[in-house]
Amino acid sequence: NGFSSSMPMETQLRALRQIPALRDVKIYRPGYAIEYDYFDPTQL
């Protein structure tokens, strides 16, 4: 929590390993962003 990101996977991992508690961390998958459609709620 607090490390939401859409940076390249390699960049995310290299940055994480600069944090003492995560210096040897392995990841299951990187963070990502998602774009999606929504509808104008003032039409409700």
PDB file of all heavy atoms in Angstrom:
ATOM      1  N   ASN A   1       0.839  -1.190   0.000  1.00  0.00           N
ATOM      2  CA  ASN A   1       0.000   0.000   0.000  1.00  0.00           C
ATOM      3  C   ASN A   1       0.881   1.249   0.000  1.00  0.00           C
ATOM      4  O   ASN A   1       1.781   1.384   0.819  1.00  0.00           O
ATOM      5  CB  ASN A   1      -0.885  -0.024   1.257  1.00  0.00           C
ATOM      6  CG  ASN A   1      -2.058   0.911   1.165  1.00  0.00           C
ATOM      7  OD1 ASN A   1      -2.059   1.855   0.383  1.00  0.00           O
ATOM      8  ND2 ASN A   1      -3.072   0.654   1.977  1.00  0.00           N
ATOM      9  N   GLY A   2       0.610   2.176  -0.933  1.00  0.00           N
ATOM     10  CA  GLY A   2       1.391   3.397  -1.037  1.00  0.00           C
ATOM     11  C   GLY A   2       2.363   3.401  -2.198  1.00  0.00           C
ATOM     12  O   GLY A   2       3.045   4.398  -2.435  1.00  0.00           O
ATOM     13  N   PHE A   3       2.430   2.279  -2.938  1.00  0.00           N
ATOM     14  CA  PHE A   3       3.365   2.196  -4.056  1.00  0.00           C
ATOM     15  C   PHE A   3       2.619   1.834  -5.340  1.00  0.00           C
ATOM     16  O   PHE A   3       3.089   1.029  -6.142  1.00  0.00           O
ATOM     17  CB  PHE A   3       4.465   1.165  -3.769  1.00  0.00           C
ATOM     18  CG  PHE A   3       5.738   1.401  -4.532  1.00  0.00           C
ATOM     19  CD1 PHE A   3       6.733   2.207  -4.010  1.00  0.00           C
ATOM     20  CD2 PHE A   3       5.952   0.823  -5.772  1.00  0.00           C
ATOM     21  CE1 PHE A   3       7.920   2.424  -4.703  1.00  0.00           C
ATOM     22  CE2 PHE A   3       7.133   1.035  -6.469  1.00  0.00           C
ATOM     23  CZ  PHE A   3       8.114   1.837  -5.940  1.00  0.00           C
ATOM     24  N   SER A   4       1.446   2.425  -5.540  1.00  0.00           N
ATOM     25  CA  SER A   4       0.753   2.253  -6.813  1.00  0.00           C
ATOM     26  C   SER A   4       1.611   2.860  -7.910  1.00  0.00           C
ATOM     27  O   SER A   4       2.164   3.953  -7.747  1.00  0.00           O
ATOM     28  CB  SER A   4      -0.607   2.951  -6.760  1.00  0.00           C
ATOM     29  OG  SER A   4      -1.293   2.812  -7.977  1.00  0.00           O
ATOM     30  N   SER A   5       1.741   2.149  -9.036  1.00  0.00           N
ATOM     31  CA  SER A   5       2.638   2.644 -10.077  1.00  0.00           C
ATOM     32  C   SER A   5       2.302   2.009 -11.419  1.00  0.00           C
ATOM     33  O   SER A   5       1.796   0.892 -11.489  1.00  0.00           O
ATOM     34  CB  SER A   5       4.091   2.317  -9.720  1.00  0.00           C
ATOM     35  OG  SER A   5       4.978   2.791 -10.724  1.00  0.00           O
ATOM     36  N   SER A   6       2.615   2.759 -12.485  1.00  0.00           N
ATOM     37  CA  SER A   6       2.549   2.212 -13.843  1.00  0.00           C
ATOM     38  C   SER A   6       3.897   2.375 -14.539  1.00  0.00           C
ATOM     39  O   SER A   6       3.987   2.338 -15.765  1.00  0.00           O
ATOM     40  CB  SER A   6       1.446   2.917 -14.646  1.00  0.00           C
ATOM     41  OG  SER A   6       1.665   4.323 -14.676  1.00  0.00           O
ATOM     42  N   MET A   7       4.955   2.583 -13.751  1.00  0.00           N
ATOM     43  CA  MET A   7       6.306   2.685 -14.302  1.00  0.00           C
ATOM     44  C   MET A   7       6.721   1.332 -14.898  1.00  0.00           C
ATOM     45  O   MET A   7       6.124   0.298 -14.582  1.00  0.00           O
ATOM     46  CB  MET A   7       7.287   3.090 -13.199  1.00  0.00           C
ATOM     47  CG  MET A   7       7.041   4.467 -12.606  1.00  0.00           C
ATOM     48  SD  MET A   7       7.519   5.827 -13.686  1.00  0.00           S
ATOM     49  CE  MET A   7       9.286   5.833 -13.454  1.00  0.00           C
ATOM     50  N   PRO A   8       7.752   1.310 -15.743  1.00  0.00           N
ATOM     51  CA  PRO A   8       8.226   0.028 -16.269  1.00  0.00           C
ATOM     52  C   PRO A   8       8.561  -0.947 -15.136  1.00  0.00           C
ATOM     53  O   PRO A   8       8.996  -0.531 -14.050  1.00  0.00           O
ATOM     54  CB  PRO A   8       9.481   0.415 -17.056  1.00  0.00           C
ATOM     55  CG  PRO A   8       9.246   1.833 -17.462  1.00  0.00           C
ATOM     56  CD  PRO A   8       8.498   2.450 -16.324  1.00  0.00           C
ATOM     57  N   MET A   9       8.354  -2.231 -15.391  1.00  0.00           N
ATOM     58  CA  MET A   9       8.537  -3.240 -14.354  1.00  0.00           C
ATOM     59  C   MET A   9       9.941  -3.193 -13.762  1.00  0.00           C
ATOM     60  O   MET A   9      10.126  -3.274 -12.543  1.00  0.00           O
ATOM     61  CB  MET A   9       8.263  -4.629 -14.943  1.00  0.00           C
ATOM     62  CG  MET A   9       8.457  -5.767 -13.975  1.00  0.00           C
ATOM     63  SD  MET A   9       7.910  -7.342 -14.660  1.00  0.00           S
ATOM     64  CE  MET A   9       9.028  -7.497 -16.066  1.00  0.00           C
ATOM     65  N   GLU A  10      10.958  -3.060 -14.612  1.00  0.00           N
ATOM     66  CA  GLU A  10      12.337  -3.042 -14.126  1.00  0.00           C
ATOM     67  C   GLU A  10      12.577  -1.843 -13.220  1.00  0.00           C
ATOM     68  O   GLU A  10      13.297  -1.935 -12.218  1.00  0.00           O
ATOM     69  CB  GLU A  10      13.308  -3.002 -15.312  1.00  0.00           C
ATOM     70  CG  GLU A  10      13.190  -4.184 -16.256  1.00  0.00           C
ATOM     71  CD  GLU A  10      12.071  -4.028 -17.268  1.00  0.00           C
ATOM     72  OE1 GLU A  10      11.358  -2.983 -17.235  1.00  0.00           O
ATOM     73  OE2 GLU A  10      11.863  -4.952 -18.084  1.00  0.00           O
ATOM     74  N   THR A  11      11.990  -0.703 -13.550  1.00  0.00           N
ATOM     75  CA  THR A  11      12.150   0.507 -12.740  1.00  0.00           C
ATOM     76  C   THR A  11      11.500   0.326 -11.371  1.00  0.00           C
ATOM     77  O   THR A  11      12.072   0.716 -10.338  1.00  0.00           O
ATOM     78  CB  THR A  11      11.532   1.718 -13.465  1.00  0.00           C
ATOM     79  OG1 THR A  11      12.113   1.827 -14.760  1.00  0.00           O
ATOM     80  CG2 THR A  11      11.760   2.999 -12.689  1.00  0.00           C
ATOM     81  N   GLN A  12      10.302  -0.256 -11.349  1.00  0.00           N
ATOM     82  CA  GLN A  12       9.637  -0.505 -10.077  1.00  0.00           C
ATOM     83  C   GLN A  12      10.504  -1.374  -9.170  1.00  0.00           C
ATOM     84  O   GLN A  12      10.692  -1.074  -7.986  1.00  0.00           O
ATOM     85  CB  GLN A  12       8.282  -1.197 -10.316  1.00  0.00           C
ATOM     86  CG  GLN A  12       7.243  -0.341 -11.012  1.00  0.00           C
ATOM     87  CD  GLN A  12       5.899  -1.041 -11.095  1.00  0.00           C
ATOM     88  OE1 GLN A  12       5.455  -1.676 -10.137  1.00  0.00           O
ATOM     89  NE2 GLN A  12       5.235  -0.938 -12.251  1.00  0.00           N
ATOM     90  N   LEU A  13      11.048  -2.449  -9.733  1.00  0.00           N
ATOM     91  CA  LEU A  13      11.820  -3.389  -8.926  1.00  0.00           C
ATOM     92  C   LEU A  13      13.116  -2.753  -8.425  1.00  0.00           C
ATOM     93  O   LEU A  13      13.489  -2.904  -7.246  1.00  0.00           O
ATOM     94  CB  LEU A  13      12.116  -4.648  -9.738  1.00  0.00           C
ATOM     95  CG  LEU A  13      12.835  -5.783  -8.991  1.00  0.00           C
ATOM     96  CD1 LEU A  13      12.052  -6.195  -7.747  1.00  0.00           C
ATOM     97  CD2 LEU A  13      13.048  -6.980  -9.914  1.00  0.00           C
ATOM     98  N   ARG A  14      13.822  -2.015  -9.280  1.00  0.00           N
ATOM     99  CA  ARG A  14      15.074  -1.381  -8.855  1.00  0.00           C
ATOM    100  C   ARG A  14      14.824  -0.354  -7.750  1.00  0.00           C
ATOM    101  O   ARG A  14      15.601  -0.243  -6.796  1.00  0.00           O
ATOM    102  CB  ARG A  14      15.743  -0.704 -10.058  1.00  0.00           C
ATOM    103  CG  ARG A  14      16.442  -1.689 -10.990  1.00  0.00           C
ATOM    104  CD  ARG A  14      17.390  -0.999 -11.963  1.00  0.00           C
ATOM    105  NE  ARG A  14      16.698  -0.069 -12.849  1.00  0.00           N
ATOM    106  CZ  ARG A  14      16.926   1.231 -12.891  1.00  0.00           C
ATOM    107  NH1 ARG A  14      17.833   1.777 -12.076  1.00  0.00           N
ATOM    108  NH2 ARG A  14      16.263   2.012 -13.732  1.00  0.00           N
ATOM    109  N   ALA A  15      13.729   0.395  -7.862  1.00  0.00           N
ATOM    110  CA  ALA A  15      13.403   1.380  -6.820  1.00  0.00           C
ATOM    111  C   ALA A  15      13.055   0.691  -5.501  1.00  0.00           C
ATOM    112  O   ALA A  15      13.490   1.127  -4.422  1.00  0.00           O
ATOM    113  CB  ALA A  15      12.249   2.261  -7.285  1.00  0.00           C
ATOM    114  N   LEU A  16      12.279  -0.382  -5.567  1.00  0.00           N
ATOM    115  CA  LEU A  16      11.895  -1.098  -4.348  1.00  0.00           C
ATOM    116  C   LEU A  16      13.123  -1.591  -3.592  1.00  0.00           C
ATOM    117  O   LEU A  16      13.168  -1.551  -2.362  1.00  0.00           O
ATOM    118  CB  LEU A  16      10.992  -2.281  -4.697  1.00  0.00           C
ATOM    119  CG  LEU A  16       9.561  -1.951  -5.143  1.00  0.00           C
ATOM    120  CD1 LEU A  16       8.870  -3.196  -5.662  1.00  0.00           C
ATOM    121  CD2 LEU A  16       8.766  -1.341  -3.997  1.00  0.00           C
ATOM    122  N   ARG A  17      14.128  -2.039  -4.313  1.00  0.00           N
ATOM    123  CA  ARG A  17      15.306  -2.628  -3.671  1.00  0.00           C
ATOM    124  C   ARG A  17      16.225  -1.575  -3.050  1.00  0.00           C
ATOM    125  O   ARG A  17      17.240  -1.922  -2.447  1.00  0.00           O
ATOM    126  CB  ARG A  17      16.052  -3.502  -4.679  1.00  0.00           C
ATOM    127  CG  ARG A  17      15.293  -4.802  -4.946  1.00  0.00           C
ATOM    128  CD  ARG A  17      15.985  -5.708  -5.928  1.00  0.00           C
ATOM    129  NE  ARG A  17      15.310  -7.003  -5.993  1.00  0.00           N
ATOM    130  CZ  ARG A  17      15.564  -7.943  -6.902  1.00  0.00           C
ATOM    131  NH1 ARG A  17      16.489  -7.722  -7.838  1.00  0.00           N
ATOM    132  NH2 ARG A  17      14.923  -9.090  -6.881  1.00  0.00           N
ATOM    133  N   GLN A  18      15.865  -0.286  -3.187  1.00  0.00           N
ATOM    134  CA  GLN A  18      16.564   0.787  -2.480  1.00  0.00           C
ATOM    135  C   GLN A  18      15.960   1.044  -1.105  1.00  0.00           C
ATOM    136  O   GLN A  18      16.440   1.900  -0.362  1.00  0.00           O
ATOM    137  CB  GLN A  18      16.541   2.074  -3.307  1.00  0.00           C
ATOM    138  CG  GLN A  18      17.198   1.958  -4.665  1.00  0.00           C
ATOM    139  CD  GLN A  18      18.646   1.527  -4.569  1.00  0.00           C
ATOM    140  OE1 GLN A  18      19.416   2.076  -3.782  1.00  0.00           O
ATOM    141  NE2 GLN A  18      19.026   0.524  -5.365  1.00  0.00           N
ATOM    142  N   ILE A  19      14.925   0.306  -0.759  1.00  0.00           N
ATOM    143  CA  ILE A  19      14.271   0.430   0.541  1.00  0.00           C
ATOM    144  C   ILE A  19      14.822  -0.685   1.429  1.00  0.00           C
ATOM    145  O   ILE A  19      14.797  -1.855   1.038  1.00  0.00           O
ATOM    146  CB  ILE A  19      12.746   0.308   0.386  1.00  0.00           C
ATOM    147  CG1 ILE A  19      12.225   1.448  -0.520  1.00  0.00           C
ATOM    148  CG2 ILE A  19      12.053   0.330   1.743  1.00  0.00           C
ATOM    149  CD1 ILE A  19      10.796   1.263  -0.984  1.00  0.00           C
ATOM    150  N   PRO A  20      15.373  -0.371   2.604  1.00  0.00           N
ATOM    151  CA  PRO A  20      16.050  -1.398   3.424  1.00  0.00           C
ATOM    152  C   PRO A  20      15.243  -2.677   3.626  1.00  0.00           C
ATOM    153  O   PRO A  20      15.782  -3.769   3.477  1.00  0.00           O
ATOM    154  CB  PRO A  20      16.306  -0.664   4.750  1.00  0.00           C
ATOM    155  CG  PRO A  20      16.450   0.769   4.350  1.00  0.00           C
ATOM    156  CD  PRO A  20      15.495   0.969   3.207  1.00  0.00           C
ATOM    157  N   ALA A  21      13.990  -2.558   3.957  1.00  0.00           N
ATOM    158  CA  ALA A  21      13.183  -3.760   4.214  1.00  0.00           C
ATOM    159  C   ALA A  21      12.954  -4.585   2.953  1.00  0.00           C
ATOM    160  O   ALA A  21      12.632  -5.776   3.034  1.00  0.00           O
ATOM    161  CB  ALA A  21      11.841  -3.363   4.826  1.00  0.00           C
ATOM    162  N   LEU A  22      13.131  -3.962   1.782  1.00  0.00           N
ATOM    163  CA  LEU A  22      12.830  -4.630   0.511  1.00  0.00           C
ATOM    164  C   LEU A  22      14.089  -4.824  -0.341  1.00  0.00           C
ATOM    165  O   LEU A  22      13.995  -5.030  -1.549  1.00  0.00           O
ATOM    166  CB  LEU A  22      11.787  -3.817  -0.267  1.00  0.00           C
ATOM    167  CG  LEU A  22      10.502  -3.459   0.494  1.00  0.00           C
ATOM    168  CD1 LEU A  22       9.589  -2.613  -0.381  1.00  0.00           C
ATOM    169  CD2 LEU A  22       9.784  -4.707   0.989  1.00  0.00           C
ATOM    170  N   ARG A  23      15.233  -4.796   0.292  1.00  0.00           N
ATOM    171  CA  ARG A  23      16.482  -4.820  -0.484  1.00  0.00           C
ATOM    172  C   ARG A  23      16.679  -6.115  -1.266  1.00  0.00           C
ATOM    173  O   ARG A  23      17.396  -6.139  -2.277  1.00  0.00           O
ATOM    174  CB  ARG A  23      17.668  -4.577   0.446  1.00  0.00           C
ATOM    175  CG  ARG A  23      17.819  -5.573   1.593  1.00  0.00           C
ATOM    176  CD  ARG A  23      18.938  -5.135   2.535  1.00  0.00           C
ATOM    177  NE  ARG A  23      19.117  -6.017   3.690  1.00  0.00           N
ATOM    178  CZ  ARG A  23      18.496  -5.848   4.847  1.00  0.00           C
ATOM    179  NH1 ARG A  23      17.621  -4.850   4.991  1.00  0.00           N
ATOM    180  NH2 ARG A  23      18.729  -6.679   5.852  1.00  0.00           N
ATOM    181  N   ASP A  24      16.061  -7.206  -0.818  1.00  0.00           N
ATOM    182  CA  ASP A  24      16.182  -8.485  -1.530  1.00  0.00           C
ATOM    183  C   ASP A  24      14.832  -8.952  -2.068  1.00  0.00           C
ATOM    184  O   ASP A  24      14.649 -10.151  -2.343  1.00  0.00           O
ATOM    185  CB  ASP A  24      16.746  -9.551  -0.582  1.00  0.00           C
ATOM    186  CG  ASP A  24      18.149  -9.220  -0.116  1.00  0.00           C
ATOM    187  OD1 ASP A  24      18.965  -8.827  -0.961  1.00  0.00           O
ATOM    188  OD2 ASP A  24      18.417  -9.342   1.102  1.00  0.00           O
ATOM    189  N   VAL A  25      13.885  -8.045  -2.226  1.00  0.00           N
ATOM    190  CA  VAL A  25      12.503  -8.431  -2.504  1.00  0.00           C
ATOM    191  C   VAL A  25      12.344  -9.074  -3.878  1.00  0.00           C
ATOM    192  O   VAL A  25      13.022  -8.716  -4.850  1.00  0.00           O
ATOM    193  CB  VAL A  25      11.566  -7.208  -2.366  1.00  0.00           C
ATOM    194  CG1 VAL A  25      11.687  -6.264  -3.558  1.00  0.00           C
ATOM    195  CG2 VAL A  25      10.122  -7.652  -2.176  1.00  0.00           C
ATOM    196  N   LYS A  26      11.462 -10.049  -3.927  1.00  0.00           N
ATOM    197  CA  LYS A  26      10.971 -10.610  -5.181  1.00  0.00           C
ATOM    198  C   LYS A  26       9.504 -10.214  -5.314  1.00  0.00           C
ATOM    199  O   LYS A  26       8.805 -10.051  -4.302  1.00  0.00           O
ATOM    200  CB  LYS A  26      11.096 -12.131  -5.199  1.00  0.00           C
ATOM    201  CG  LYS A  26      12.519 -12.644  -5.222  1.00  0.00           C
ATOM    202  CD  LYS A  26      12.538 -14.172  -5.271  1.00  0.00           C
ATOM    203  CE  LYS A  26      13.965 -14.707  -5.298  1.00  0.00           C
ATOM    204  NZ  LYS A  26      13.983 -16.194  -5.322  1.00  0.00           N
ATOM    205  N   ILE A  27       9.048 -10.071  -6.549  1.00  0.00           N
ATOM    206  CA  ILE A  27       7.659  -9.653  -6.764  1.00  0.00           C
ATOM    207  C   ILE A  27       6.914 -10.719  -7.548  1.00  0.00           C
ATOM    208  O   ILE A  27       7.496 -11.466  -8.329  1.00  0.00           O
ATOM    209  CB  ILE A  27       7.583  -8.295  -7.485  1.00  0.00           C
ATOM    210  CG1 ILE A  27       8.136  -8.382  -8.913  1.00  0.00           C
ATOM    211  CG2 ILE A  27       8.319  -7.227  -6.689  1.00  0.00           C
ATOM    212  CD1 ILE A  27       7.961  -7.111  -9.715  1.00  0.00           C
ATOM    213  N   TYR A  28       5.600 -10.772  -7.307  1.00  0.00           N
ATOM    214  CA  TYR A  28       4.739 -11.674  -8.069  1.00  0.00           C
ATOM    215  C   TYR A  28       4.299 -11.024  -9.386  1.00  0.00           C
ATOM    216  O   TYR A  28       4.148 -11.701 -10.394  1.00  0.00           O
ATOM    217  CB  TYR A  28       3.501 -12.056  -7.248  1.00  0.00           C
ATOM    218  CG  TYR A  28       3.801 -13.011  -6.125  1.00  0.00           C
ATOM    219  CD1 TYR A  28       3.839 -12.571  -4.807  1.00  0.00           C
ATOM    220  CD2 TYR A  28       4.042 -14.358  -6.377  1.00  0.00           C
ATOM    221  CE1 TYR A  28       4.094 -13.452  -3.770  1.00  0.00           C
ATOM    222  CE2 TYR A  28       4.303 -15.243  -5.343  1.00  0.00           C
ATOM    223  CZ  TYR A  28       4.329 -14.788  -4.040  1.00  0.00           C
ATOM    224  OH  TYR A  28       4.604 -15.661  -3.024  1.00  0.00           O
ATOM    225  N   ARG A  29       4.064  -9.728  -9.329  1.00  0.00           N
ATOM    226  CA  ARG A  29       3.739  -8.969 -10.541  1.00  0.00           C
ATOM    227  C   ARG A  29       3.909  -7.490 -10.241  1.00  0.00           C
ATOM    228  O   ARG A  29       3.812  -7.058  -9.084  1.00  0.00           O
ATOM    229  CB  ARG A  29       2.322  -9.264 -11.044  1.00  0.00           C
ATOM    230  CG  ARG A  29       1.206  -8.812 -10.118  1.00  0.00           C
ATOM    231  CD  ARG A  29      -0.122  -8.874 -10.873  1.00  0.00           C
ATOM    232  NE  ARG A  29      -1.261  -8.607 -10.029  1.00  0.00           N
ATOM    233  CZ  ARG A  29      -1.665  -7.403  -9.645  1.00  0.00           C
ATOM    234  NH1 ARG A  29      -0.980  -6.348 -10.007  1.00  0.00           N
ATOM    235  NH2 ARG A  29      -2.730  -7.255  -8.890  1.00  0.00           N
ATOM    236  N   PRO A  30       4.185  -6.688 -11.265  1.00  0.00           N
ATOM    237  CA  PRO A  30       4.370  -5.244 -11.031  1.00  0.00           C
ATOM    238  C   PRO A  30       3.030  -4.533 -10.865  1.00  0.00           C
ATOM    239  O   PRO A  30       1.964  -5.083 -11.171  1.00  0.00           O
ATOM    240  CB  PRO A  30       5.073  -4.790 -12.316  1.00  0.00           C
ATOM    241  CG  PRO A  30       4.567  -5.734 -13.363  1.00  0.00           C
ATOM    242  CD  PRO A  30       4.400  -7.064 -12.667  1.00  0.00           C
ATOM    243  N   GLY A  31       3.102  -3.302 -10.405  1.00  0.00           N
ATOM    244  CA  GLY A  31       1.915  -2.452 -10.411  1.00  0.00           C
ATOM    245  C   GLY A  31       1.573  -2.046 -11.834  1.00  0.00           C
ATOM    246  O   GLY A  31       2.421  -2.097 -12.727  1.00  0.00           O
ATOM    247  N   TYR A  32       0.343  -1.635 -12.050  1.00  0.00           N
ATOM    248  CA  TYR A  32      -0.076  -1.188 -13.384  1.00  0.00           C
ATOM    249  C   TYR A  32      -1.195  -0.161 -13.247  1.00  0.00           C
ATOM    250  O   TYR A  32      -1.844  -0.060 -12.198  1.00  0.00           O
ATOM    251  CB  TYR A  32      -0.527  -2.364 -14.258  1.00  0.00           C
ATOM    252  CG  TYR A  32      -1.747  -3.107 -13.753  1.00  0.00           C
ATOM    253  CD1 TYR A  32      -3.040  -2.698 -14.102  1.00  0.00           C
ATOM    254  CD2 TYR A  32      -1.620  -4.235 -12.944  1.00  0.00           C
ATOM    255  CE1 TYR A  32      -4.164  -3.373 -13.647  1.00  0.00           C
ATOM    256  CE2 TYR A  32      -2.735  -4.917 -12.490  1.00  0.00           C
ATOM    257  CZ  TYR A  32      -4.003  -4.491 -12.842  1.00  0.00           C
ATOM    258  OH  TYR A  32      -5.109  -5.163 -12.388  1.00  0.00           O
ATOM    259  N   ALA A  33      -1.406   0.588 -14.313  1.00  0.00           N
ATOM    260  CA  ALA A  33      -2.538   1.519 -14.387  1.00  0.00           C
ATOM    261  C   ALA A  33      -3.555   0.951 -15.356  1.00  0.00           C
ATOM    262  O   ALA A  33      -3.235   0.122 -16.217  1.00  0.00           O
ATOM    263  CB  ALA A  33      -2.064   2.886 -14.867  1.00  0.00           C
ATOM    264  N   ILE A  34      -4.797   1.377 -15.202  1.00  0.00           N
ATOM    265  CA  ILE A  34      -5.852   0.943 -16.117  1.00  0.00           C
ATOM    266  C   ILE A  34      -6.764   2.115 -16.440  1.00  0.00           C
ATOM    267  O   ILE A  34      -7.169   2.862 -15.543  1.00  0.00           O
ATOM    268  CB  ILE A  34      -6.663  -0.244 -15.535  1.00  0.00           C
ATOM    269  CG1 ILE A  34      -7.776  -0.658 -16.497  1.00  0.00           C
ATOM    270  CG2 ILE A  34      -7.207   0.081 -14.156  1.00  0.00           C
ATOM    271  CD1 ILE A  34      -8.474  -1.950 -16.114  1.00  0.00           C
ATOM    272  N   GLU A  35      -7.050   2.301 -17.720  1.00  0.00           N
ATOM    273  CA  GLU A  35      -8.036   3.275 -18.182  1.00  0.00           C
ATOM    274  C   GLU A  35      -9.317   2.537 -18.545  1.00  0.00           C
ATOM    275  O   GLU A  35      -9.273   1.421 -19.058  1.00  0.00           O
ATOM    276  CB  GLU A  35      -7.516   4.022 -19.409  1.00  0.00           C
ATOM    277  CG  GLU A  35      -6.387   4.985 -19.123  1.00  0.00           C
ATOM    278  CD  GLU A  35      -6.000   5.749 -20.372  1.00  0.00           C
ATOM    279  OE1 GLU A  35      -5.339   5.146 -21.242  1.00  0.00           O
ATOM    280  OE2 GLU A  35      -6.360   6.934 -20.482  1.00  0.00           O
ATOM    281  N   TYR A  36     -10.450   3.195 -18.309  1.00  0.00           N
ATOM    282  CA  TYR A  36     -11.734   2.530 -18.548  1.00  0.00           C
ATOM    283  C   TYR A  36     -12.813   3.591 -18.790  1.00  0.00           C
ATOM    284  O   TYR A  36     -12.625   4.767 -18.495  1.00  0.00           O
ATOM    285  CB  TYR A  36     -12.119   1.659 -17.348  1.00  0.00           C
ATOM    286  CG  TYR A  36     -12.163   2.420 -16.042  1.00  0.00           C
ATOM    287  CD1 TYR A  36     -13.347   2.971 -15.563  1.00  0.00           C
ATOM    288  CD2 TYR A  36     -10.997   2.617 -15.299  1.00  0.00           C
ATOM    289  CE1 TYR A  36     -13.384   3.681 -14.375  1.00  0.00           C
ATOM    290  CE2 TYR A  36     -11.022   3.336 -14.107  1.00  0.00           C
ATOM    291  CZ  TYR A  36     -12.213   3.857 -13.652  1.00  0.00           C
ATOM    292  OH  TYR A  36     -12.244   4.577 -12.480  1.00  0.00           O
ATOM    293  N   ASP A  37     -13.946   3.146 -19.309  1.00  0.00           N
ATOM    294  CA  ASP A  37     -15.072   4.038 -19.579  1.00  0.00           C
ATOM    295  C   ASP A  37     -15.945   4.206 -18.341  1.00  0.00           C
ATOM    296  O   ASP A  37     -16.137   3.262 -17.562  1.00  0.00           O
ATOM    297  CB  ASP A  37     -15.956   3.470 -20.705  1.00  0.00           C
ATOM    298  CG  ASP A  37     -15.247   3.408 -22.048  1.00  0.00           C
ATOM    299  OD1 ASP A  37     -14.278   4.163 -22.232  1.00  0.00           O
ATOM    300  OD2 ASP A  37     -15.664   2.601 -22.897  1.00  0.00           O
ATOM    301  N   TYR A  38     -16.485   5.395 -18.189  1.00  0.00           N
ATOM    302  CA  TYR A  38     -17.539   5.618 -17.197  1.00  0.00           C
ATOM    303  C   TYR A  38     -18.597   6.515 -17.840  1.00  0.00           C
ATOM    304  O   TYR A  38     -18.366   7.119 -18.894  1.00  0.00           O
ATOM    305  CB  TYR A  38     -16.981   6.267 -15.923  1.00  0.00           C
ATOM    306  CG  TYR A  38     -16.740   7.749 -16.038  1.00  0.00           C
ATOM    307  CD1 TYR A  38     -17.673   8.669 -15.559  1.00  0.00           C
ATOM    308  CD2 TYR A  38     -15.585   8.250 -16.635  1.00  0.00           C
ATOM    309  CE1 TYR A  38     -17.458  10.044 -15.687  1.00  0.00           C
ATOM    310  CE2 TYR A  38     -15.363   9.616 -16.751  1.00  0.00           C
ATOM    311  CZ  TYR A  38     -16.302  10.500 -16.273  1.00  0.00           C
ATOM    312  OH  TYR A  38     -16.101  11.845 -16.402  1.00  0.00           O
ATOM    313  N   PHE A  39     -19.759   6.587 -17.215  1.00  0.00           N
ATOM    314  CA  PHE A  39     -20.871   7.371 -17.744  1.00  0.00           C
ATOM    315  C   PHE A  39     -21.153   8.557 -16.832  1.00  0.00           C
ATOM    316  O   PHE A  39     -21.040   8.445 -15.610  1.00  0.00           O
ATOM    317  CB  PHE A  39     -22.124   6.488 -17.879  1.00  0.00           C
ATOM    318  CG  PHE A  39     -21.904   5.281 -18.736  1.00  0.00           C
ATOM    319  CD1 PHE A  39     -21.737   4.029 -18.166  1.00  0.00           C
ATOM    320  CD2 PHE A  39     -21.825   5.393 -20.111  1.00  0.00           C
ATOM    321  CE1 PHE A  39     -21.506   2.907 -18.938  1.00  0.00           C
ATOM    322  CE2 PHE A  39     -21.605   4.280 -20.909  1.00  0.00           C
ATOM    323  CZ  PHE A  39     -21.434   3.033 -20.326  1.00  0.00           C
ATOM    324  N   ASP A  40     -21.506   9.681 -17.426  1.00  0.00           N
ATOM    325  CA  ASP A  40     -21.747  10.918 -16.682  1.00  0.00           C
ATOM    326  C   ASP A  40     -22.872  10.705 -15.671  1.00  0.00           C
ATOM    327  O   ASP A  40     -24.031  10.500 -16.052  1.00  0.00           O
ATOM    328  CB  ASP A  40     -22.129  12.024 -17.668  1.00  0.00           C
ATOM    329  CG  ASP A  40     -22.361  13.363 -16.983  1.00  0.00           C
ATOM    330  OD1 ASP A  40     -22.284  13.426 -15.745  1.00  0.00           O
ATOM    331  OD2 ASP A  40     -22.633  14.347 -17.700  1.00  0.00           O
ATOM    332  N   PRO A  41     -22.572  10.739 -14.360  1.00  0.00           N
ATOM    333  CA  PRO A  41     -23.614  10.444 -13.363  1.00  0.00           C
ATOM    334  C   PRO A  41     -24.677  11.533 -13.236  1.00  0.00           C
ATOM    335  O   PRO A  41     -25.720  11.286 -12.615  1.00  0.00           O
ATOM    336  CB  PRO A  41     -22.818  10.280 -12.065  1.00  0.00           C
ATOM    337  CG  PRO A  41     -21.580  11.090 -12.275  1.00  0.00           C
ATOM    338  CD  PRO A  41     -21.262  10.970 -13.735  1.00  0.00           C
ATOM    339  N   THR A  42     -24.434  12.741 -13.806  1.00  0.00           N
ATOM    340  CA  THR A  42     -25.486  13.760 -13.742  1.00  0.00           C
ATOM    341  C   THR A  42     -26.657  13.394 -14.645  1.00  0.00           C
ATOM    342  O   THR A  42     -27.701  14.054 -14.586  1.00  0.00           O
ATOM    343  CB  THR A  42     -24.942  15.145 -14.139  1.00  0.00           C
ATOM    344  OG1 THR A  42     -24.509  15.134 -15.499  1.00  0.00           O
ATOM    345  CG2 THR A  42     -23.797  15.564 -13.232  1.00  0.00           C
ATOM    346  N   GLN A  43     -26.516  12.364 -15.467  1.00  0.00           N
ATOM    347  CA  GLN A  43     -27.621  11.882 -16.296  1.00  0.00           C
ATOM    348  C   GLN A  43     -28.434  10.803 -15.584  1.00  0.00           C
ATOM    349  O   GLN A  43     -29.252  10.134 -16.199  1.00  0.00           O
ATOM    350  CB  GLN A  43     -27.083  11.344 -17.623  1.00  0.00           C
ATOM    351  CG  GLN A  43     -26.482  12.424 -18.514  1.00  0.00           C
ATOM    352  CD  GLN A  43     -26.091  11.891 -19.883  1.00  0.00           C
ATOM    353  OE1 GLN A  43     -25.231  11.033 -20.032  1.00  0.00           O
ATOM    354  NE2 GLN A  43     -26.754  12.405 -20.909  1.00  0.00           N
ATOM    355  N   LEU A  44     -28.197  10.672 -14.266  1.00  0.00           N
ATOM    356  CA  LEU A  44     -28.928   9.699 -13.458  1.00  0.00           C
ATOM    357  C   LEU A  44     -29.878  10.405 -12.496  1.00  0.00           C
ATOM    358  O   LEU A  44     -29.611  11.508 -12.035  1.00  0.00           O
ATOM    359  CB  LEU A  44     -27.961   8.848 -12.633  1.00  0.00           C
ATOM    360  CG  LEU A  44     -26.971   7.961 -13.380  1.00  0.00           C
ATOM    361  CD1 LEU A  44     -26.037   7.291 -12.380  1.00  0.00           C
ATOM    362  CD2 LEU A  44     -27.697   6.923 -14.221  1.00  0.00           C
TER     363      LEU A  44
END
